[in-house]
Amino acid sequence: MFLVFSMVIFVIAAAAIWATASFMDDASPTKASEAFLFDLEKIQKEVNVVKDLVYSDKEDSLLDIYSPAEGSENLPVILWIHGGGFVGGSKDSRQEYGMALAHAGYVVANIDYALAPEQLYPGPVVQANEALGYLQLHAEKYGGDMSRVFIGGDSAGAQISSQVAAVMSNKGLAQDMNIMPAVQPEQLKGALLFCGLFNMETVRATGFPNIDNFLSAYTGAKPFESFENIDQLSTVNHLTPAYPSVFITVGDADPLASQSVELAEALEASNVAVDSMFFIGTEKQLKHEFQYALDTIDGQETLARALDFLFANSN
């Protein structure tokens, strides 16, 4: 029975890992329209990479740091959290994208975290908070300015990122989860959320492949809706005016598209600034994780919008 369960999780994890690509230019934060260039070879030459720094004593608590090779100081810091259905994925799959962000004038910390079902909720949220604590102590060494922090991620990583931002800006949620936020709300300047899930009451209805298995593995509950703390995962229910500005994007052919629309509407209702890129009605057929296809016009334009968002909120 255990062998069968392990094989199921393996298959789910394999299905949850998506490919990536890369992009960009300059040593201080740069508006994308001023310096947009897709040149991976140039990026690799002009970005420093420090691999596998240990940010916590928990399992899989490693992060990479990417920074401009020019060695600029006082650059905004981006914490990036990979997706993979909570059961798969790794920081390595997002390295090129993180390097592209760094090349545009940011210090990027790209983290791993322990995966389900070996680690259950709220493990990744706790680990992300610990990574922010590590950066409070060490980001300056790499040119980072922790008074200007962004958090971002894709798919499951977007859910985790959105919840971490809620913990930082909602004292009630932080207390309920018994988490001491590692950064203050005024330090958190924005969140970048790609194709995530943000409402546990409606996510099953999206029909996203294996969503029940992903969330059951993460919460340890079947059905996942029966998990006693399931509401904590619904970022739509934990927004306050202190929540940071958000750039949110999802493809028009992504089953999770409605989740991003729900969150954008909830953010606006909470008077939180939101920049959305949804492609509704375009018939482009952009699928889950299209944002990493930087060999396409839509992938490049979306990254350009993300960089414009970062620039606008860094200054």
C-alpha atoms as a PDB file:
ATOM      1  CA  MET A   1       0.000   0.000   0.000  1.00  0.00           C
ATOM      2  CA  PHE A   2       2.826   2.407   0.907  1.00  0.00           C
ATOM      3  CA  LEU A   3       4.560   1.598  -2.381  1.00  0.00           C
ATOM      4  CA  VAL A   4       1.407   2.410  -4.338  1.00  0.00           C
ATOM      5  CA  PHE A   5       0.961   5.669  -2.442  1.00  0.00           C
ATOM      6  CA  SER A   6       4.600   6.591  -3.061  1.00  0.00           C
ATOM      7  CA  MET A   7       4.185   5.927  -6.781  1.00  0.00           C
ATOM      8  CA  VAL A   8       1.073   8.116  -6.867  1.00  0.00           C
ATOM      9  CA  ILE A   9       2.927  10.973  -5.197  1.00  0.00           C
ATOM     10  CA  PHE A  10       5.838  10.489  -7.605  1.00  0.00           C
ATOM     11  CA  VAL A  11       3.507  10.736 -10.599  1.00  0.00           C
ATOM     12  CA  ILE A  12       1.787  13.790  -9.143  1.00  0.00           C
ATOM     13  CA  ALA A  13       5.132  15.452  -8.445  1.00  0.00           C
ATOM     14  CA  ALA A  14       6.357  14.737 -11.954  1.00  0.00           C
ATOM     15  CA  ALA A  15       3.189  16.251 -13.389  1.00  0.00           C
ATOM     16  CA  ALA A  16       3.680  19.364 -11.236  1.00  0.00           C
ATOM     17  CA  ILE A  17       7.166  20.325 -12.452  1.00  0.00           C
ATOM     18  CA  TRP A  18       7.220  22.777 -15.322  1.00  0.00           C
ATOM     19  CA  ALA A  19      10.051  24.061 -17.528  1.00  0.00           C
ATOM     20  CA  THR A  20      11.412  27.621 -17.546  1.00  0.00           C
ATOM     21  CA  ALA A  21      13.463  30.136 -19.543  1.00  0.00           C
ATOM     22  CA  SER A  22      15.085  33.678 -19.056  1.00  0.00           C
ATOM     23  CA  PHE A  23      15.896  37.457 -19.764  1.00  0.00           C
ATOM     24  CA  MET A  24      17.025  41.341 -19.033  1.00  0.00           C
ATOM     25  CA  ASP A  25      19.572  44.300 -18.235  1.00  0.00           C
ATOM     26  CA  ASP A  26      21.176  46.980 -15.829  1.00  0.00           C
ATOM     27  CA  ALA A  27      22.644  47.128 -12.311  1.00  0.00           C
ATOM     28  CA  SER A  28      20.124  49.408 -10.610  1.00  0.00           C
ATOM     29  CA  PRO A  29      16.359  48.867 -10.864  1.00  0.00           C
ATOM     30  CA  THR A  30      15.414  49.567 -14.458  1.00  0.00           C
ATOM     31  CA  LYS A  31      12.061  50.136 -16.090  1.00  0.00           C
ATOM     32  CA  ALA A  32      11.503  47.319 -18.575  1.00  0.00           C
ATOM     33  CA  SER A  33      10.503  49.659 -21.398  1.00  0.00           C
ATOM     34  CA  GLU A  34      13.894  51.346 -21.033  1.00  0.00           C
ATOM     35  CA  ALA A  35      16.072  48.223 -21.075  1.00  0.00           C
ATOM     36  CA  PHE A  36      14.151  45.172 -22.250  1.00  0.00           C
ATOM     37  CA  LEU A  37      16.421  42.561 -23.819  1.00  0.00           C
ATOM     38  CA  PHE A  38      16.207  38.797 -23.929  1.00  0.00           C
ATOM     39  CA  ASP A  39      19.798  37.596 -23.901  1.00  0.00           C
ATOM     40  CA  LEU A  40      20.421  34.580 -21.678  1.00  0.00           C
ATOM     41  CA  GLU A  41      24.120  34.386 -22.496  1.00  0.00           C
ATOM     42  CA  LYS A  42      24.595  38.015 -21.461  1.00  0.00           C
ATOM     43  CA  ILE A  43      22.618  37.453 -18.281  1.00  0.00           C
ATOM     44  CA  GLN A  44      24.712  34.453 -17.313  1.00  0.00           C
ATOM     45  CA  LYS A  45      27.890  36.503 -17.718  1.00  0.00           C
ATOM     46  CA  GLU A  46      26.619  39.525 -15.822  1.00  0.00           C
ATOM     47  CA  VAL A  47      24.862  37.946 -12.829  1.00  0.00           C
ATOM     48  CA  ASN A  48      26.615  36.461  -9.805  1.00  0.00           C
ATOM     49  CA  VAL A  49      25.191  33.171  -8.533  1.00  0.00           C
ATOM     50  CA  VAL A  50      25.706  31.881  -4.991  1.00  0.00           C
ATOM     51  CA  LYS A  51      24.229  28.406  -4.565  1.00  0.00           C
ATOM     52  CA  ASP A  52      22.775  26.417  -1.679  1.00  0.00           C
ATOM     53  CA  LEU A  53      22.988  28.759   1.289  1.00  0.00           C
ATOM     54  CA  VAL A  54      21.379  27.201   4.374  1.00  0.00           C
ATOM     55  CA  TYR A  55      18.669  29.501   5.726  1.00  0.00           C
ATOM     56  CA  SER A  56      17.111  27.217   8.382  1.00  0.00           C
ATOM     57  CA  ASP A  57      17.701  23.935  10.172  1.00  0.00           C
ATOM     58  CA  LYS A  58      14.558  22.443   8.562  1.00  0.00           C
ATOM     59  CA  GLU A  59      14.820  19.959   5.700  1.00  0.00           C
ATOM     60  CA  ASP A  60      15.489  21.397   2.224  1.00  0.00           C
ATOM     61  CA  SER A  61      16.099  24.891   3.584  1.00  0.00           C
ATOM     62  CA  LEU A  62      18.468  26.034   0.850  1.00  0.00           C
ATOM     63  CA  LEU A  63      18.444  29.218  -1.164  1.00  0.00           C
ATOM     64  CA  ASP A  64      20.390  30.652  -4.064  1.00  0.00           C
ATOM     65  CA  ILE A  65      21.214  34.335  -4.384  1.00  0.00           C
ATOM     66  CA  TYR A  66      21.499  36.079  -7.742  1.00  0.00           C
ATOM     67  CA  SER A  67      22.850  39.626  -7.958  1.00  0.00           C
ATOM     68  CA  PRO A  68      24.292  41.941 -10.626  1.00  0.00           C
ATOM     69  CA  ALA A  69      27.965  41.230 -11.226  1.00  0.00           C
ATOM     70  CA  GLU A  70      28.676  44.963 -11.173  1.00  0.00           C
ATOM     71  CA  GLY A  71      28.338  44.772  -7.419  1.00  0.00           C
ATOM     72  CA  SER A  72      25.781  47.543  -6.863  1.00  0.00           C
ATOM     73  CA  GLU A  73      24.562  48.265  -3.338  1.00  0.00           C
ATOM     74  CA  ASN A  74      21.141  48.990  -1.836  1.00  0.00           C
ATOM     75  CA  LEU A  75      19.201  46.967  -4.396  1.00  0.00           C
ATOM     76  CA  PRO A  76      15.642  45.778  -3.734  1.00  0.00           C
ATOM     77  CA  VAL A  77      15.353  42.153  -2.633  1.00  0.00           C
ATOM     78  CA  ILE A  78      13.033  39.568  -4.215  1.00  0.00           C
ATOM     79  CA  LEU A  79      12.187  36.285  -2.483  1.00  0.00           C
ATOM     80  CA  TRP A  80      11.064  33.755  -5.108  1.00  0.00           C
ATOM     81  CA  ILE A  81       9.112  30.571  -4.312  1.00  0.00           C
ATOM     82  CA  HIS A  82       8.812  27.841  -6.948  1.00  0.00           C
ATOM     83  CA  GLY A  83       5.635  25.936  -7.767  1.00  0.00           C
ATOM     84  CA  GLY A  84       5.046  22.215  -8.164  1.00  0.00           C
ATOM     85  CA  GLY A  85       1.711  21.388  -6.560  1.00  0.00           C
ATOM     86  CA  PHE A  86       3.286  21.486  -3.067  1.00  0.00           C
ATOM     87  CA  VAL A  87       4.738  18.035  -3.823  1.00  0.00           C
ATOM     88  CA  GLY A  88       7.379  18.755  -6.470  1.00  0.00           C
ATOM     89  CA  GLY A  89       9.579  21.340  -8.135  1.00  0.00           C
ATOM     90  CA  SER A  90      12.805  23.001  -7.043  1.00  0.00           C
ATOM     91  CA  LYS A  91      14.581  26.324  -7.044  1.00  0.00           C
ATOM     92  CA  ASP A  92      16.803  25.110  -9.879  1.00  0.00           C
ATOM     93  CA  SER A  93      13.812  25.162 -12.231  1.00  0.00           C
ATOM     94  CA  ARG A  94      13.486  28.914 -11.617  1.00  0.00           C
ATOM     95  CA  GLN A  95      17.171  29.854 -11.699  1.00  0.00           C
ATOM     96  CA  GLU A  96      17.219  31.409 -15.154  1.00  0.00           C
ATOM     97  CA  TYR A  97      14.107  33.467 -14.428  1.00  0.00           C
ATOM     98  CA  GLY A  98      15.562  34.627 -11.114  1.00  0.00           C
ATOM     99  CA  MET A  99      18.808  35.562 -12.836  1.00  0.00           C
ATOM    100  CA  ALA A 100      16.824  37.601 -15.356  1.00  0.00           C
ATOM    101  CA  LEU A 101      15.233  39.559 -12.506  1.00  0.00           C
ATOM    102  CA  ALA A 102      18.625  40.064 -10.873  1.00  0.00           C
ATOM    103  CA  HIS A 103      20.088  41.321 -14.146  1.00  0.00           C
ATOM    104  CA  ALA A 104      17.483  44.089 -14.107  1.00  0.00           C
ATOM    105  CA  GLY A 105      18.896  45.404 -10.834  1.00  0.00           C
ATOM    106  CA  TYR A 106      17.656  43.237  -7.962  1.00  0.00           C
ATOM    107  CA  VAL A 107      19.014  40.792  -5.420  1.00  0.00           C
ATOM    108  CA  VAL A 108      16.989  37.608  -5.852  1.00  0.00           C
ATOM    109  CA  ALA A 109      16.769  34.850  -3.243  1.00  0.00           C
ATOM    110  CA  ASN A 110      15.371  31.696  -4.842  1.00  0.00           C
ATOM    111  CA  ILE A 111      14.386  29.124  -2.233  1.00  0.00           C
ATOM    112  CA  ASP A 112      13.766  25.437  -1.826  1.00  0.00           C
ATOM    113  CA  TYR A 113      11.389  24.171   0.852  1.00  0.00           C
ATOM    114  CA  ALA A 114      10.420  20.732   2.140  1.00  0.00           C
ATOM    115  CA  LEU A 115       7.691  19.101   0.058  1.00  0.00           C
ATOM    116  CA  ALA A 116       4.470  17.270   0.840  1.00  0.00           C
ATOM    117  CA  PRO A 117       3.518  14.715   1.944  1.00  0.00           C
ATOM    118  CA  GLU A 118       6.692  14.445   4.057  1.00  0.00           C
ATOM    119  CA  GLN A 119       6.179  18.034   5.191  1.00  0.00           C
ATOM    120  CA  LEU A 120       2.617  19.202   5.667  1.00  0.00           C
ATOM    121  CA  TYR A 121       1.087  22.672   5.798  1.00  0.00           C
ATOM    122  CA  PRO A 122       2.106  25.223   7.063  1.00  0.00           C
ATOM    123  CA  GLY A 123       5.726  24.111   6.561  1.00  0.00           C
ATOM    124  CA  PRO A 124       6.521  26.113   3.389  1.00  0.00           C
ATOM    125  CA  VAL A 125       5.000  29.298   4.834  1.00  0.00           C
ATOM    126  CA  VAL A 126       7.142  28.915   7.943  1.00  0.00           C
ATOM    127  CA  GLN A 127      10.238  28.231   5.840  1.00  0.00           C
ATOM    128  CA  ALA A 128       9.614  31.261   3.620  1.00  0.00           C
ATOM    129  CA  ASN A 129       9.374  33.412   6.735  1.00  0.00           C
ATOM    130  CA  GLU A 130      12.662  31.911   7.949  1.00  0.00           C
ATOM    131  CA  ALA A 131      14.241  32.722   4.597  1.00  0.00           C
ATOM    132  CA  LEU A 132      13.175  36.342   5.054  1.00  0.00           C
ATOM    133  CA  GLY A 133      14.760  36.259   8.502  1.00  0.00           C
ATOM    134  CA  TYR A 134      17.989  34.969   6.957  1.00  0.00           C
ATOM    135  CA  LEU A 135      17.906  37.779   4.425  1.00  0.00           C
ATOM    136  CA  GLN A 136      17.435  40.341   7.172  1.00  0.00           C
ATOM    137  CA  LEU A 137      20.847  39.250   8.442  1.00  0.00           C
ATOM    138  CA  HIS A 138      22.679  38.563   5.182  1.00  0.00           C
ATOM    139  CA  ALA A 139      21.113  40.394   2.212  1.00  0.00           C
ATOM    140  CA  GLU A 140      23.359  43.426   2.644  1.00  0.00           C
ATOM    141  CA  LYS A 141      26.406  41.239   1.949  1.00  0.00           C
ATOM    142  CA  TYR A 142      25.054  40.689  -1.572  1.00  0.00           C
ATOM    143  CA  GLY A 143      23.985  44.289  -2.132  1.00  0.00           C
ATOM    144  CA  GLY A 144      20.405  43.887  -0.929  1.00  0.00           C
ATOM    145  CA  ASP A 145      18.280  46.537   0.754  1.00  0.00           C
ATOM    146  CA  MET A 146      15.785  44.900   3.095  1.00  0.00           C
ATOM    147  CA  SER A 147      13.746  48.079   3.365  1.00  0.00           C
ATOM    148  CA  ARG A 148      12.491  47.193  -0.141  1.00  0.00           C
ATOM    149  CA  VAL A 149      11.353  43.573  -0.243  1.00  0.00           C
ATOM    150  CA  PHE A 150       9.229  41.764  -2.825  1.00  0.00           C
ATOM    151  CA  ILE A 151       7.903  38.220  -2.682  1.00  0.00           C
ATOM    152  CA  GLY A 152       6.823  36.191  -5.671  1.00  0.00           C
ATOM    153  CA  GLY A 153       6.098  32.753  -6.995  1.00  0.00           C
ATOM    154  CA  ASP A 154       4.177  30.613  -9.439  1.00  0.00           C
ATOM    155  CA  SER A 155       1.295  28.168  -9.021  1.00  0.00           C
ATOM    156  CA  ALA A 156       1.649  26.569  -5.562  1.00  0.00           C
ATOM    157  CA  GLY A 157       4.513  29.015  -5.003  1.00  0.00           C
ATOM    158  CA  ALA A 158       2.133  31.878  -5.731  1.00  0.00           C
ATOM    159  CA  GLN A 159      -0.266  30.564  -3.098  1.00  0.00           C
ATOM    160  CA  ILE A 160       2.566  30.334  -0.578  1.00  0.00           C
ATOM    161  CA  SER A 161       3.830  33.801  -1.531  1.00  0.00           C
ATOM    162  CA  SER A 162       0.378  35.331  -1.237  1.00  0.00           C
ATOM    163  CA  GLN A 163      -0.091  33.774   2.188  1.00  0.00           C
ATOM    164  CA  VAL A 164       3.318  34.921   3.402  1.00  0.00           C
ATOM    165  CA  ALA A 165       2.393  38.453   2.335  1.00  0.00           C
ATOM    166  CA  ALA A 166      -0.867  38.076   4.283  1.00  0.00           C
ATOM    167  CA  VAL A 167       1.028  36.907   7.369  1.00  0.00           C
ATOM    168  CA  MET A 168       3.297  39.956   7.110  1.00  0.00           C
ATOM    169  CA  SER A 169       0.357  42.357   6.834  1.00  0.00           C
ATOM    170  CA  ASN A 170      -2.394  40.734   8.931  1.00  0.00           C
ATOM    171  CA  LYS A 171      -1.603  40.388  12.639  1.00  0.00           C
ATOM    172  CA  GLY A 172      -4.615  38.150  13.233  1.00  0.00           C
ATOM    173  CA  LEU A 173      -3.478  35.591  10.660  1.00  0.00           C
ATOM    174  CA  ALA A 174       0.092  35.677  11.970  1.00  0.00           C
ATOM    175  CA  GLN A 175      -1.180  35.001  15.492  1.00  0.00           C
ATOM    176  CA  ASP A 176      -3.494  32.201  14.329  1.00  0.00           C
ATOM    177  CA  MET A 177      -0.559  30.535  12.570  1.00  0.00           C
ATOM    178  CA  ASN A 178       1.816  31.218  15.470  1.00  0.00           C
ATOM    179  CA  ILE A 179       4.287  32.947  13.151  1.00  0.00           C
ATOM    180  CA  MET A 180       6.394  35.959  14.108  1.00  0.00           C
ATOM    181  CA  PRO A 181       6.786  37.874  10.835  1.00  0.00           C
ATOM    182  CA  ALA A 182      10.423  38.296   9.838  1.00  0.00           C
ATOM    183  CA  VAL A 183       9.755  41.598   8.069  1.00  0.00           C
ATOM    184  CA  GLN A 184       7.420  44.476   8.823  1.00  0.00           C
ATOM    185  CA  PRO A 185       4.581  45.507   6.478  1.00  0.00           C
ATOM    186  CA  GLU A 186       6.409  48.700   5.499  1.00  0.00           C
ATOM    187  CA  GLN A 187       9.363  46.657   4.234  1.00  0.00           C
ATOM    188  CA  LEU A 188       7.203  44.575   1.894  1.00  0.00           C
ATOM    189  CA  LYS A 189       6.770  46.617  -1.262  1.00  0.00           C
ATOM    190  CA  GLY A 190       5.002  44.144  -3.510  1.00  0.00           C
ATOM    191  CA  ALA A 191       3.978  40.615  -4.438  1.00  0.00           C
ATOM    192  CA  LEU A 192       4.260  38.978  -7.850  1.00  0.00           C
ATOM    193  CA  LEU A 193       1.742  36.161  -8.216  1.00  0.00           C
ATOM    194  CA  PHE A 194       1.762  33.907 -11.282  1.00  0.00           C
ATOM    195  CA  CYS A 195      -1.108  31.466 -11.966  1.00  0.00           C
ATOM    196  CA  GLY A 196      -1.832  30.700  -8.322  1.00  0.00           C
ATOM    197  CA  LEU A 197      -4.689  29.360  -6.216  1.00  0.00           C
ATOM    198  CA  PHE A 198      -6.150  31.725  -3.668  1.00  0.00           C
ATOM    199  CA  ASN A 199      -9.598  30.485  -2.586  1.00  0.00           C
ATOM    200  CA  MET A 200      -9.927  26.976  -1.201  1.00  0.00           C
ATOM    201  CA  GLU A 201     -13.731  27.141  -1.369  1.00  0.00           C
ATOM    202  CA  THR A 202     -13.757  27.514  -5.157  1.00  0.00           C
ATOM    203  CA  VAL A 203     -10.494  25.945  -6.349  1.00  0.00           C
ATOM    204  CA  ARG A 204     -11.941  22.441  -6.778  1.00  0.00           C
ATOM    205  CA  ALA A 205     -14.474  23.823  -9.262  1.00  0.00           C
ATOM    206  CA  THR A 206     -11.649  24.988 -11.553  1.00  0.00           C
ATOM    207  CA  GLY A 207     -11.027  21.383 -12.549  1.00  0.00           C
ATOM    208  CA  PHE A 208      -7.270  21.894 -12.369  1.00  0.00           C
ATOM    209  CA  PRO A 209      -5.658  18.456 -12.925  1.00  0.00           C
ATOM    210  CA  ASN A 210      -4.895  16.605  -9.676  1.00  0.00           C
ATOM    211  CA  ILE A 211      -5.887  19.591  -7.512  1.00  0.00           C
ATOM    212  CA  ASP A 212      -7.529  17.279  -4.962  1.00  0.00           C
ATOM    213  CA  ASN A 213      -4.398  15.133  -4.691  1.00  0.00           C
ATOM    214  CA  PHE A 214      -2.099  18.150  -4.430  1.00  0.00           C
ATOM    215  CA  LEU A 215      -4.050  19.799  -1.622  1.00  0.00           C
ATOM    216  CA  SER A 216      -4.738  16.540   0.212  1.00  0.00           C
ATOM    217  CA  ALA A 217      -1.001  15.777   0.166  1.00  0.00           C
ATOM    218  CA  TYR A 218      -0.284  19.297   1.457  1.00  0.00           C
ATOM    219  CA  THR A 219      -2.922  19.393   4.206  1.00  0.00           C
ATOM    220  CA  GLY A 220      -2.982  15.708   5.112  1.00  0.00           C
ATOM    221  CA  ALA A 221      -6.784  15.738   4.833  1.00  0.00           C
ATOM    222  CA  LYS A 222      -9.211  14.031   2.443  1.00  0.00           C
ATOM    223  CA  PRO A 223     -11.082  15.842   1.147  1.00  0.00           C
ATOM    224  CA  PHE A 224      -8.779  18.819   1.571  1.00  0.00           C
ATOM    225  CA  GLU A 225     -11.774  21.027   2.382  1.00  0.00           C
ATOM    226  CA  SER A 226     -12.137  19.099   5.668  1.00  0.00           C
ATOM    227  CA  PHE A 227      -8.755  20.339   6.928  1.00  0.00           C
ATOM    228  CA  GLU A 228      -9.400  22.331  10.101  1.00  0.00           C
ATOM    229  CA  ASN A 229      -7.215  25.269   9.022  1.00  0.00           C
ATOM    230  CA  ILE A 230      -8.141  25.266   5.345  1.00  0.00           C
ATOM    231  CA  ASP A 231      -9.356  28.874   5.495  1.00  0.00           C
ATOM    232  CA  GLN A 232      -5.821  30.042   6.273  1.00  0.00           C
ATOM    233  CA  LEU A 233      -4.815  29.067   2.727  1.00  0.00           C
ATOM    234  CA  SER A 234      -7.510  31.274   1.188  1.00  0.00           C
ATOM    235  CA  THR A 235      -5.665  34.554   0.737  1.00  0.00           C
ATOM    236  CA  VAL A 236      -8.877  36.194  -0.478  1.00  0.00           C
ATOM    237  CA  ASN A 237     -10.123  36.014   3.140  1.00  0.00           C
ATOM    238  CA  HIS A 238      -7.081  37.566   4.814  1.00  0.00           C
ATOM    239  CA  LEU A 239      -6.492  40.819   2.980  1.00  0.00           C
ATOM    240  CA  THR A 240      -6.099  44.134   4.775  1.00  0.00           C
ATOM    241  CA  PRO A 241      -5.239  47.607   3.468  1.00  0.00           C
ATOM    242  CA  ALA A 242      -1.687  46.867   4.659  1.00  0.00           C
ATOM    243  CA  TYR A 243      -1.315  44.073   2.079  1.00  0.00           C
ATOM    244  CA  PRO A 244       1.412  45.044  -0.416  1.00  0.00           C
ATOM    245  CA  SER A 245       0.791  46.094  -4.002  1.00  0.00           C
ATOM    246  CA  VAL A 246       0.341  43.112  -6.327  1.00  0.00           C
ATOM    247  CA  PHE A 247       1.232  42.172  -9.884  1.00  0.00           C
ATOM    248  CA  ILE A 248      -0.921  39.180 -10.795  1.00  0.00           C
ATOM    249  CA  THR A 249      -1.001  37.274 -14.062  1.00  0.00           C
ATOM    250  CA  VAL A 250      -2.505  34.089 -15.471  1.00  0.00           C
ATOM    251  CA  GLY A 251      -3.053  32.632 -18.943  1.00  0.00           C
ATOM    252  CA  ASP A 252      -6.481  32.692 -20.567  1.00  0.00           C
ATOM    253  CA  ALA A 253      -6.355  28.882 -21.020  1.00  0.00           C
ATOM    254  CA  ASP A 254      -5.166  28.156 -17.484  1.00  0.00           C
ATOM    255  CA  PRO A 255      -7.811  26.283 -15.438  1.00  0.00           C
ATOM    256  CA  LEU A 256      -6.786  28.420 -12.453  1.00  0.00           C
ATOM    257  CA  ALA A 257      -7.554  31.704 -14.246  1.00  0.00           C
ATOM    258  CA  SER A 258     -10.662  32.343 -12.161  1.00  0.00           C
ATOM    259  CA  GLN A 259      -8.598  32.122  -8.969  1.00  0.00           C
ATOM    260  CA  SER A 260      -6.462  35.090 -10.025  1.00  0.00           C
ATOM    261  CA  VAL A 261      -9.548  37.051 -11.027  1.00  0.00           C
ATOM    262  CA  GLU A 262     -11.077  36.373  -7.602  1.00  0.00           C
ATOM    263  CA  LEU A 263      -7.964  37.578  -5.818  1.00  0.00           C
ATOM    264  CA  ALA A 264      -7.672  40.711  -7.964  1.00  0.00           C
ATOM    265  CA  GLU A 265     -11.272  41.611  -7.188  1.00  0.00           C
ATOM    266  CA  ALA A 266     -10.726  41.002  -3.471  1.00  0.00           C
ATOM    267  CA  LEU A 267      -7.576  43.137  -3.514  1.00  0.00           C
ATOM    268  CA  GLU A 268      -9.421  46.009  -5.149  1.00  0.00           C
ATOM    269  CA  ALA A 269     -12.239  45.704  -2.607  1.00  0.00           C
ATOM    270  CA  SER A 270      -9.604  45.952   0.144  1.00  0.00           C
ATOM    271  CA  ASN A 271      -8.105  49.091  -1.425  1.00  0.00           C
ATOM    272  CA  VAL A 272      -4.884  47.309  -2.328  1.00  0.00           C
ATOM    273  CA  ALA A 273      -3.151  48.413  -5.530  1.00  0.00           C
ATOM    274  CA  VAL A 274      -3.232  45.623  -8.111  1.00  0.00           C
ATOM    275  CA  ASP A 275      -1.823  45.376 -11.631  1.00  0.00           C
ATOM    276  CA  SER A 276      -3.369  42.431 -13.471  1.00  0.00           C
ATOM    277  CA  MET A 277      -2.486  40.772 -16.771  1.00  0.00           C
ATOM    278  CA  PHE A 278      -5.144  38.157 -17.561  1.00  0.00           C
ATOM    279  CA  PHE A 279      -5.537  38.004 -21.398  1.00  0.00           C
ATOM    280  CA  ILE A 280      -9.305  37.620 -21.013  1.00  0.00           C
ATOM    281  CA  GLY A 281     -11.025  37.421 -24.395  1.00  0.00           C
ATOM    282  CA  THR A 282      -7.749  37.316 -26.327  1.00  0.00           C
ATOM    283  CA  GLU A 283      -8.099  33.660 -27.377  1.00  0.00           C
ATOM    284  CA  LYS A 284      -4.324  33.337 -27.077  1.00  0.00           C
ATOM    285  CA  GLN A 285      -4.725  29.960 -25.343  1.00  0.00           C
ATOM    286  CA  LEU A 286      -1.963  30.728 -22.834  1.00  0.00           C
ATOM    287  CA  LYS A 287      -1.618  27.774 -20.510  1.00  0.00           C
ATOM    288  CA  HIS A 288      -0.428  27.259 -16.943  1.00  0.00           C
ATOM    289  CA  GLU A 289       3.099  28.649 -16.394  1.00  0.00           C
ATOM    290  CA  PHE A 290       3.230  30.441 -19.759  1.00  0.00           C
ATOM    291  CA  GLN A 291       5.118  33.200 -17.926  1.00  0.00           C
ATOM    292  CA  TYR A 292       8.343  31.197 -18.109  1.00  0.00           C
ATOM    293  CA  ALA A 293       8.208  30.764 -21.888  1.00  0.00           C
ATOM    294  CA  LEU A 294      10.482  33.721 -22.532  1.00  0.00           C
ATOM    295  CA  ASP A 295      11.091  32.657 -26.103  1.00  0.00           C
ATOM    296  CA  THR A 296       7.529  33.876 -26.786  1.00  0.00           C
ATOM    297  CA  ILE A 297       6.204  37.412 -27.153  1.00  0.00           C
ATOM    298  CA  ASP A 298       3.593  36.876 -24.432  1.00  0.00           C
ATOM    299  CA  GLY A 299       6.187  35.563 -21.982  1.00  0.00           C
ATOM    300  CA  GLN A 300       8.493  38.486 -22.685  1.00  0.00           C
ATOM    301  CA  GLU A 301       5.718  41.074 -22.465  1.00  0.00           C
ATOM    302  CA  THR A 302       4.554  39.627 -19.156  1.00  0.00           C
ATOM    303  CA  LEU A 303       8.061  39.795 -17.732  1.00  0.00           C
ATOM    304  CA  ALA A 304       8.357  43.368 -18.988  1.00  0.00           C
ATOM    305  CA  ARG A 305       5.158  44.236 -17.078  1.00  0.00           C
ATOM    306  CA  ALA A 306       6.520  42.499 -13.985  1.00  0.00           C
ATOM    307  CA  LEU A 307       9.711  44.540 -14.199  1.00  0.00           C
ATOM    308  CA  ASP A 308       7.731  47.753 -14.649  1.00  0.00           C
ATOM    309  CA  PHE A 309       5.781  46.820 -11.504  1.00  0.00           C
ATOM    310  CA  LEU A 310       9.003  46.174  -9.576  1.00  0.00           C
ATOM    311  CA  PHE A 311      10.495  49.462 -10.776  1.00  0.00           C
ATOM    312  CA  ALA A 312       7.405  51.484  -9.876  1.00  0.00           C
ATOM    313  CA  ASN A 313       7.232  50.022  -6.378  1.00  0.00           C
ATOM    314  CA  SER A 314      10.974  50.149  -5.667  1.00  0.00           C
ATOM    315  CA  ASN A 315      11.220  53.928  -5.944  1.00  0.00           C
END
